[in-house]
Amino acid sequence: MTVNVKKLTLDSLKPREPSIRVLSTAVCEVEGVEEVNITVIEVDANTETIKIVVQGSDVDYDEVCETIQNHGAVVRSVDEILVRESEND
């Protein structure tokens, strides 16, 4: 049996650029990710506080965080996680 991450909800702070469209597309390209939903919570002169919800068959937390960081954002916390046990083939 293995445990796969199915859903992550992340609190993040990003610069105003790149847009959430660009960031969501980049995160969705991570292997195992099937869906990304980004909500802007607060806007400052230079930054945006965002909530990122990532869902998929086997979400790689480290790769998702690396992709977010490569786009200038910082993951401040993991607010929710859903994991599921699955049988190895």
Protein backbone atom coordinates (compact mmCIF):
# COMPACT_ATOMS: atom_id res chain seq x y z
CA MET A 1 0.00 0.00 0.00
CA THR A 2 1.12 3.56 -0.72
CA VAL A 3 -0.32 6.89 0.36
CA ASN A 4 -0.98 9.48 -2.35
CA VAL A 5 -1.69 13.16 -1.83
CA LYS A 6 -4.99 13.94 -3.54
CA LYS A 7 -5.54 17.55 -2.45
CA LEU A 8 -3.47 20.40 -1.01
CA THR A 9 -4.72 23.79 0.13
CA LEU A 10 -1.85 26.25 0.45
CA ASP A 11 -1.70 29.78 1.82
CA SER A 12 0.73 31.72 -0.33
CA LEU A 13 2.11 35.21 -0.87
CA LYS A 14 3.10 36.21 -4.41
CA PRO A 15 4.23 39.34 -6.19
CA ARG A 16 1.58 41.04 -8.36
CA GLU A 17 3.30 39.49 -11.40
CA PRO A 18 3.14 36.81 -12.68
CA SER A 19 -0.64 36.61 -12.87
CA ILE A 20 -2.60 33.85 -11.16
CA ARG A 21 -3.35 32.49 -14.65
CA VAL A 22 0.36 31.99 -15.33
CA LEU A 23 0.98 30.51 -11.87
CA SER A 24 -2.01 28.15 -12.04
CA THR A 25 -0.96 26.88 -15.47
CA ALA A 26 2.59 26.21 -14.25
CA VAL A 27 1.36 24.31 -11.17
CA CYS A 28 -1.09 22.30 -13.30
CA GLU A 29 1.85 21.11 -15.43
CA VAL A 30 3.37 19.31 -12.41
CA GLU A 31 3.07 15.56 -12.85
CA GLY A 32 0.13 14.10 -10.91
CA VAL A 33 -1.72 17.44 -10.75
CA GLU A 34 -5.08 17.47 -12.50
CA GLU A 35 -6.69 20.67 -11.23
CA VAL A 36 -5.55 23.98 -9.73
CA ASN A 37 -7.78 26.65 -8.22
CA ILE A 38 -6.26 29.94 -7.08
CA THR A 39 -8.26 32.53 -5.15
CA VAL A 40 -6.95 36.01 -4.43
CA ILE A 41 -7.62 36.77 -0.76
CA GLU A 42 -5.93 40.15 -0.36
CA VAL A 43 -4.18 42.63 -2.65
CA ASP A 44 -1.40 44.96 -1.53
CA ALA A 45 0.57 47.48 -3.59
CA ASN A 46 3.23 44.89 -4.46
CA THR A 47 1.84 41.49 -3.39
CA GLU A 48 -1.22 39.26 -3.38
CA THR A 49 -2.23 36.80 -0.68
CA ILE A 50 -3.65 33.76 -2.44
CA LYS A 51 -5.17 30.40 -1.60
CA ILE A 52 -4.01 27.62 -3.92
CA VAL A 53 -6.01 24.39 -4.09
CA VAL A 54 -4.21 21.60 -5.95
CA GLN A 55 -5.92 18.29 -6.73
CA GLY A 56 -4.75 15.21 -8.56
CA SER A 57 -4.02 11.52 -8.55
CA ASP A 58 -0.65 11.80 -6.80
CA VAL A 59 0.34 15.40 -6.02
CA ASP A 60 4.06 15.86 -5.34
CA TYR A 61 4.13 18.48 -2.57
CA ASP A 62 7.82 19.31 -3.03
CA GLU A 63 7.50 19.79 -6.79
CA VAL A 64 4.37 21.94 -6.39
CA CYS A 65 6.17 24.15 -3.83
CA GLU A 66 9.25 24.40 -6.06
CA THR A 67 7.09 25.49 -9.01
CA ILE A 68 5.36 28.11 -6.86
CA GLN A 69 8.71 29.40 -5.60
CA ASN A 70 10.12 29.50 -9.14
CA HIS A 71 7.34 31.97 -9.94
CA GLY A 72 8.34 34.28 -7.08
CA ALA A 73 5.73 33.17 -4.55
CA VAL A 74 6.16 31.75 -1.06
CA VAL A 75 4.11 28.97 0.55
CA ARG A 76 3.29 30.23 4.03
CA SER A 77 1.33 27.22 5.25
CA VAL A 78 -0.48 24.03 4.33
CA ASP A 79 -4.07 24.70 5.38
CA GLU A 80 -5.56 21.40 4.25
CA ILE A 81 -4.32 18.07 2.92
CA LEU A 82 -6.18 14.99 1.70
CA VAL A 83 -4.32 11.72 1.31
CA ARG A 84 -5.62 8.36 0.21
CA GLU A 85 -4.17 4.91 0.61
CA SER A 86 -3.95 2.92 -2.61
CA GLU A 87 -2.70 -0.51 -3.56
CA ASN A 88 0.55 -0.83 -5.47
CA ASP A 89 0.27 -2.47 -8.87
